[in-house]
Amino acid sequence: MLKEDYNKLIKTYGYVNKFIQTEIDLHKEIQALKVKKNAVILGHYYITPDLQDISDFLGDSLALAQQAQKTEADIILFVGVHFMGETAKILNPGKKVLVPDLNAGCSLAESAPAGPFLEFKNNHPDHKVISYINCSAEIKALSDVIVTSSNAKKIVDSFPMDQPLIFAPDKNLGNYINSVTGREMLLWDGACMVHEKYSLEKIITLLEQYPEAVFIAHPECEQPVLLIADYVGSTTALLNFVTESESKKFVVATESGILHQMQKSCPDKTFIPAPSIDSTCGCNDCSFMKLNTLQKLYLALKYEKPEIHLDAEILEKARLPILRMLELSK
């Protein structure tokens, strides 16, 4: 299903309300459909708690890519954002990959259009291209290797120090990796709208209110925020850190969906979302991730739409740098 057709369906029928009987037990129906269709549900830490709890496998981008590579399911239902569904399709070209909502995009992926990026790459022919997994299939196809926040330092370190590198599309993650590796990678000017909106002033005020709290942050945050963090790490690394830490209170600067897993893992600890510049609720959500709902998940599995489709040439070119990442991540 093309995005245009999907949006027409939403506009014409109201989509969710049109096709779901109000008395249906969605959890029961989803479980039955999974068995009937040999489907697996992969969910990202940033989706809502009800979707996290119904996922067969929950993880960050690296773990989900690894799971997508080895699944034996016939259908992969990816509950996250569009580039994640694309990654699953790239790794499983013969399988059907579904997403609950085709409009669940990614501001970071959209900050690197393929045309301008190709021109940027061609202007630096001596550079190898390292791209963060939060990018489109087209950008992956133009890359030498893909990274996630979990393995970016390790993979960057695998290149000789004298090898010029381009890092795309996240300038904040690239800047952080430069700082911890001593590199001077050339950075594409892209960023995540969620992680760029944290207010340094509000965070400092919050930490003054909770002096016993440990401040942890994702490396997609801007440098001033990272400089005051007690710990910087990927989504999974942040989860592991709070689980292993003896501290009882944390201020967390990443998408608020991870707080559900943190609370489940550490029911005796307190987790406070770091405030954003324009936040009134004291949290920082990805509006794209929150487009996914239990009702849309059910419809996607029942009707096997929307489905991810990729150009065959793009798919083949994009697979190589992802496979390089997975090999280097072992």
Protein backbone atom coordinates (compact mmCIF):
# COMPACT_ATOMS: atom_id res chain seq x y z
CA MET A 1 0.00 0.00 0.00
CA LEU A 2 1.36 3.41 -1.00
CA LYS A 3 1.29 6.24 1.52
CA GLU A 4 -1.08 8.21 -0.74
CA ASP A 5 -3.57 5.32 -0.81
CA TYR A 6 -3.21 4.86 2.94
CA ASN A 7 -3.99 8.51 3.63
CA LYS A 8 -6.97 8.38 1.28
CA LEU A 9 -8.30 5.41 3.23
CA ILE A 10 -7.95 7.33 6.49
CA LYS A 11 -9.70 10.41 5.07
CA THR A 12 -12.54 8.50 3.44
CA TYR A 13 -13.41 5.96 6.10
CA GLY A 14 -11.87 7.15 9.32
CA TYR A 15 -9.90 3.89 9.00
CA VAL A 16 -9.74 2.63 12.58
CA ASN A 17 -13.35 3.31 13.54
CA LYS A 18 -14.64 1.93 10.23
CA PHE A 19 -13.04 -1.48 10.45
CA ILE A 20 -13.04 -2.38 14.15
CA GLN A 21 -16.05 -3.59 16.09
CA THR A 22 -16.11 -1.86 19.46
CA GLU A 23 -16.72 -5.06 21.41
CA ILE A 24 -13.72 -6.92 20.00
CA ASP A 25 -10.98 -8.14 22.38
CA LEU A 26 -7.96 -6.74 20.55
CA HIS A 27 -5.34 -8.57 22.62
CA LYS A 28 -7.04 -11.92 22.04
CA GLU A 29 -7.54 -11.29 18.33
CA ILE A 30 -3.95 -10.16 17.82
CA GLN A 31 -2.59 -13.26 19.53
CA ALA A 32 -4.79 -15.49 17.36
CA LEU A 33 -3.75 -13.71 14.16
CA LYS A 34 -0.07 -14.05 15.06
CA VAL A 35 -0.42 -17.82 15.36
CA LYS A 36 -2.58 -18.16 12.25
CA LYS A 37 -0.25 -16.10 10.07
CA ASN A 38 3.09 -17.04 11.66
CA ALA A 39 3.72 -13.38 12.43
CA VAL A 40 6.09 -11.71 14.86
CA ILE A 41 5.64 -8.27 16.42
CA LEU A 42 8.83 -6.22 16.85
CA GLY A 43 8.46 -3.13 19.02
CA HIS A 44 10.75 -0.20 19.81
CA TYR A 45 11.23 1.16 23.32
CA TYR A 46 9.63 4.47 22.31
CA ILE A 47 6.14 3.15 21.53
CA THR A 48 3.33 3.37 24.10
CA PRO A 49 3.31 0.94 27.06
CA ASP A 50 0.38 -1.15 25.77
CA LEU A 51 2.23 -1.76 22.49
CA GLN A 52 5.48 -2.52 24.29
CA ASP A 53 3.70 -5.13 26.37
CA ILE A 54 2.14 -6.88 23.38
CA SER A 55 5.37 -7.00 21.33
CA ASP A 56 7.08 -10.37 20.94
CA PHE A 57 10.45 -8.68 20.99
CA LEU A 58 11.23 -5.23 22.34
CA GLY A 59 14.50 -3.41 21.82
CA ASP A 60 16.51 -0.52 20.43
CA SER A 61 17.46 -0.18 16.76
CA LEU A 62 20.43 -2.55 16.94
CA ALA A 63 18.61 -5.30 18.82
CA LEU A 64 15.60 -5.03 16.52
CA ALA A 65 17.78 -5.25 13.41
CA GLN A 66 19.46 -8.34 14.84
CA GLN A 67 16.09 -9.87 15.63
CA ALA A 68 14.73 -9.06 12.17
CA GLN A 69 17.76 -10.77 10.62
CA LYS A 70 17.16 -14.07 12.39
CA THR A 71 13.37 -14.33 12.61
CA GLU A 72 11.67 -17.35 11.08
CA ALA A 73 8.27 -15.67 10.94
CA ASP A 74 6.53 -15.24 7.59
CA ILE A 75 5.22 -11.80 8.53
CA ILE A 76 7.09 -9.10 10.45
CA LEU A 77 4.89 -6.44 12.02
CA PHE A 78 7.22 -3.61 12.99
CA VAL A 79 5.83 -1.21 15.56
CA GLY A 80 8.07 1.83 15.45
CA VAL A 81 8.75 4.29 12.65
CA HIS A 82 9.06 3.88 8.89
CA PHE A 83 12.84 3.50 8.56
CA MET A 84 12.71 0.59 11.03
CA GLY A 85 10.20 -1.24 8.84
CA GLU A 86 12.45 -0.54 5.85
CA THR A 87 15.43 -2.03 7.69
CA ALA A 88 13.45 -5.19 8.45
CA LYS A 89 12.45 -5.45 4.77
CA ILE A 90 16.05 -4.93 3.62
CA LEU A 91 17.13 -7.83 5.81
CA ASN A 92 14.13 -9.97 4.79
CA PRO A 93 13.32 -9.22 1.14
CA GLY A 94 11.28 -12.43 0.82
CA LYS A 95 9.08 -11.73 3.86
CA LYS A 96 6.07 -9.50 4.24
CA VAL A 97 6.89 -6.52 6.47
CA LEU A 98 3.99 -4.51 7.87
CA VAL A 99 3.75 -1.28 9.87
CA PRO A 100 0.69 -0.03 11.77
CA ASP A 101 0.86 3.47 10.27
CA LEU A 102 2.73 4.56 7.14
CA ASN A 103 2.76 8.13 8.44
CA ALA A 104 4.98 7.16 11.37
CA GLY A 105 8.09 8.76 9.93
CA CYS A 106 11.24 10.16 11.54
CA SER A 107 12.39 13.77 11.62
CA LEU A 108 16.02 12.64 11.66
CA ALA A 109 15.60 10.41 8.60
CA GLU A 110 13.75 13.19 6.80
CA SER A 111 16.59 15.63 7.49
CA ALA A 112 18.76 13.80 4.94
CA PRO A 113 17.10 13.79 1.49
CA ALA A 114 18.79 11.39 -0.92
CA GLY A 115 19.48 13.92 -3.69
CA PRO A 116 21.32 16.55 -1.62
CA PHE A 117 23.13 13.85 0.32
CA LEU A 118 24.42 12.22 -2.88
CA GLU A 119 25.77 15.60 -3.98
CA PHE A 120 27.38 16.05 -0.55
CA LYS A 121 28.98 12.62 -0.81
CA ASN A 122 30.25 13.26 -4.34
CA ASN A 123 31.91 16.46 -3.14
CA HIS A 124 34.03 14.38 -0.75
CA PRO A 125 35.09 11.34 -2.81
CA ASP A 126 37.91 10.35 -0.44
CA HIS A 127 35.51 9.94 2.50
CA LYS A 128 33.86 6.73 3.65
CA VAL A 129 30.22 7.15 4.64
CA ILE A 130 28.98 6.03 8.04
CA SER A 131 25.24 6.46 8.44
CA TYR A 132 23.15 6.20 11.56
CA ILE A 133 20.40 3.62 11.15
CA ASN A 134 17.84 6.44 11.57
CA CYS A 135 17.88 7.19 7.86
CA SER A 136 16.02 6.19 4.71
CA ALA A 137 16.79 3.14 2.60
CA GLU A 138 18.17 5.50 -0.06
CA ILE A 139 20.74 6.93 2.37
CA LYS A 140 21.66 3.45 3.55
CA ALA A 141 22.29 2.51 -0.09
CA LEU A 142 24.77 5.41 -0.35
CA SER A 143 26.64 4.34 2.80
CA ASP A 144 29.65 2.14 3.48
CA VAL A 145 28.40 0.99 6.86
CA ILE A 146 25.42 1.61 9.14
CA VAL A 147 25.66 2.24 12.89
CA THR A 148 23.31 2.58 15.85
CA SER A 149 23.92 4.56 19.01
CA SER A 150 24.84 1.24 20.64
CA ASN A 151 27.70 0.41 18.30
CA ALA A 152 28.69 3.73 16.68
CA LYS A 153 31.93 4.18 18.62
CA LYS A 154 33.03 0.59 18.01
CA ILE A 155 32.39 0.81 14.27
CA VAL A 156 33.97 4.26 13.89
CA ASP A 157 37.03 2.94 15.74
CA SER A 158 37.29 0.11 13.19
CA PHE A 159 38.40 2.62 10.53
CA PRO A 160 42.04 3.79 10.42
CA MET A 161 42.54 7.20 12.02
CA ASP A 162 43.76 8.63 8.71
CA GLN A 163 40.61 7.56 6.84
CA PRO A 164 38.36 10.61 6.22
CA LEU A 165 34.79 9.88 7.30
CA ILE A 166 31.34 11.33 6.70
CA PHE A 167 28.83 10.76 9.50
CA ALA A 168 25.15 11.15 8.69
CA PRO A 169 22.47 12.16 9.33
CA ASP A 170 22.68 13.05 13.06
CA LYS A 171 25.15 15.86 13.77
CA ASN A 172 24.62 15.50 17.54
CA LEU A 173 25.48 11.81 17.66
CA GLY A 174 28.33 12.44 15.21
CA ASN A 175 29.68 15.25 17.37
CA TYR A 176 29.52 13.03 20.44
CA ILE A 177 31.35 10.19 18.67
CA ASN A 178 33.98 12.68 17.51
CA SER A 179 34.48 13.75 21.12
CA VAL A 180 35.00 10.22 22.44
CA THR A 181 37.14 8.95 19.56
CA GLY A 182 39.32 11.97 18.79
CA ARG A 183 38.02 11.98 15.21
CA GLU A 184 37.08 14.90 13.02
CA MET A 185 34.34 13.25 11.00
CA LEU A 186 32.52 15.45 8.53
CA LEU A 187 28.95 15.74 9.84
CA TRP A 188 25.74 16.02 7.87
CA ASP A 189 23.50 18.73 9.36
CA GLY A 190 20.60 16.59 10.60
CA ALA A 191 18.99 16.07 14.00
CA CYS A 192 16.13 14.39 15.87
CA MET A 193 13.38 16.85 16.79
CA VAL A 194 12.77 15.03 20.09
CA HIS A 195 16.35 15.07 21.35
CA GLU A 196 17.07 18.61 20.12
CA LYS A 197 14.23 20.12 22.12
CA TYR A 198 15.57 19.53 25.59
CA SER A 199 15.93 22.71 27.59
CA LEU A 200 19.30 22.99 29.30
CA GLU A 201 17.94 25.71 31.59
CA LYS A 202 14.91 23.65 32.65
CA ILE A 203 17.07 20.53 33.18
CA ILE A 204 19.46 22.46 35.44
CA THR A 205 16.50 23.79 37.42
CA LEU A 206 15.07 20.29 37.72
CA LEU A 207 18.39 18.89 38.96
CA GLU A 208 18.53 21.64 41.56
CA GLN A 209 15.14 20.44 42.80
CA TYR A 210 16.38 16.84 42.90
CA PRO A 211 20.07 17.03 43.85
CA GLU A 212 20.12 13.29 44.58
CA ALA A 213 19.01 12.43 41.03
CA VAL A 214 21.40 11.04 38.42
CA PHE A 215 21.08 12.72 35.02
CA ILE A 216 21.33 10.36 32.03
CA ALA A 217 21.06 11.28 28.34
CA HIS A 218 20.97 9.80 24.86
CA PRO A 219 23.81 10.91 22.53
CA GLU A 220 21.28 12.35 20.06
CA CYS A 221 20.91 15.24 22.52
CA GLU A 222 22.75 18.50 21.87
CA GLN A 223 26.26 18.92 23.27
CA PRO A 224 25.39 21.31 26.16
CA VAL A 225 22.93 18.74 27.52
CA LEU A 226 25.46 15.91 27.16
CA LEU A 227 28.15 17.92 28.94
CA ILE A 228 26.14 18.04 32.18
CA ALA A 229 24.99 14.40 31.99
CA ASP A 230 26.28 11.91 34.55
CA TYR A 231 25.97 9.15 31.94
CA VAL A 232 25.51 9.16 28.15
CA GLY A 233 24.40 6.04 26.31
CA SER A 234 22.11 4.37 23.81
CA THR A 235 18.53 3.52 24.76
CA THR A 236 19.52 0.02 25.87
CA ALA A 237 22.61 1.32 27.63
CA LEU A 238 20.47 3.79 29.58
CA LEU A 239 18.11 0.98 30.58
CA ASN A 240 21.01 -1.20 31.70
CA PHE A 241 22.58 1.69 33.59
CA VAL A 242 19.53 2.45 35.74
CA THR A 243 19.02 -1.27 36.39
CA GLU A 244 22.56 -1.73 37.66
CA SER A 245 22.91 1.61 39.45
CA GLU A 246 22.51 1.87 43.21
CA SER A 247 20.89 5.29 42.80
CA LYS A 248 17.14 5.55 43.33
CA LYS A 249 16.24 8.62 41.28
CA PHE A 250 17.05 9.53 37.67
CA VAL A 251 16.34 12.38 35.28
CA VAL A 252 16.14 10.86 31.80
CA ALA A 253 16.81 12.76 28.56
CA THR A 254 15.47 10.55 25.81
CA GLU A 255 12.03 9.72 24.39
CA SER A 256 9.68 9.07 27.29
CA GLY A 257 8.58 5.63 26.08
CA ILE A 258 11.66 4.06 27.68
CA LEU A 259 10.42 5.07 31.13
CA HIS A 260 7.89 2.23 30.99
CA GLN A 261 10.62 -0.39 30.74
CA MET A 262 12.77 1.38 33.30
CA GLN A 263 9.89 1.35 35.78
CA LYS A 264 9.13 -2.31 35.05
CA SER A 265 12.78 -3.23 35.58
CA CYS A 266 13.18 -1.06 38.70
CA PRO A 267 9.81 -0.62 40.45
CA ASP A 268 11.53 0.80 43.52
CA LYS A 269 13.21 3.65 41.61
CA THR A 270 11.93 7.02 40.39
CA PHE A 271 12.32 8.19 36.79
CA ILE A 272 11.74 11.82 35.84
CA PRO A 273 11.57 12.80 32.15
CA ALA A 274 13.84 15.68 31.23
CA PRO A 275 11.81 18.73 30.16
CA SER A 276 11.88 20.14 26.65
CA ILE A 277 11.82 23.78 25.57
CA ASP A 278 8.11 23.80 24.72
CA SER A 279 6.95 21.05 27.09
CA THR A 280 3.95 21.62 29.31
CA CYS A 281 3.60 18.03 30.51
CA GLY A 282 7.22 17.63 31.64
CA CYS A 283 7.97 14.96 29.03
CA ASN A 284 9.32 14.70 25.52
CA ASP A 285 7.45 12.37 23.17
CA CYS A 286 8.05 11.39 19.55
CA SER A 287 4.76 12.22 17.82
CA PHE A 288 5.62 9.76 15.04
CA MET A 289 6.11 6.85 17.44
CA LYS A 290 2.83 7.71 19.12
CA LEU A 291 0.92 7.35 15.82
CA ASN A 292 1.07 3.61 16.46
CA THR A 293 -1.95 2.29 18.33
CA LEU A 294 -3.26 -1.12 19.36
CA GLN A 295 -6.17 -0.70 16.93
CA LYS A 296 -3.86 0.04 13.99
CA LEU A 297 -1.64 -2.89 14.95
CA TYR A 298 -4.66 -5.20 14.83
CA LEU A 299 -5.79 -3.87 11.45
CA ALA A 300 -2.31 -4.21 9.95
CA LEU A 301 -2.13 -7.84 11.03
CA LYS A 302 -5.68 -8.67 9.98
CA TYR A 303 -5.54 -7.10 6.49
CA GLU A 304 -1.74 -7.35 6.03
CA LYS A 305 -1.54 -3.66 5.19
CA PRO A 306 0.22 -1.21 5.13
CA GLU A 307 3.14 -3.17 3.72
CA ILE A 308 6.69 -1.91 3.20
CA HIS A 309 7.81 -1.99 -0.43
CA LEU A 310 11.28 -1.00 -1.66
CA ASP A 311 12.89 -0.63 -5.03
CA ALA A 312 14.89 -3.80 -5.71
CA GLU A 313 18.11 -1.95 -6.55
CA ILE A 314 17.90 0.23 -3.43
CA LEU A 315 17.15 -2.82 -1.32
CA GLU A 316 20.22 -4.69 -2.56
CA LYS A 317 22.57 -1.72 -2.13
CA ALA A 318 21.22 -0.93 1.34
CA ARG A 319 21.64 -4.49 2.59
CA LEU A 320 25.44 -4.54 2.37
CA PRO A 321 26.17 -1.72 4.85
CA ILE A 322 23.59 -3.13 7.29
CA LEU A 323 25.18 -6.57 7.10
CA ARG A 324 28.58 -4.95 7.71
CA MET A 325 27.16 -3.35 10.83
CA LEU A 326 25.71 -6.61 12.11
CA GLU A 327 29.01 -8.41 11.48
CA LEU A 328 31.02 -5.70 13.28
CA SER A 329 28.55 -5.78 16.18
CA LYS A 330 29.19 -9.44 17.04
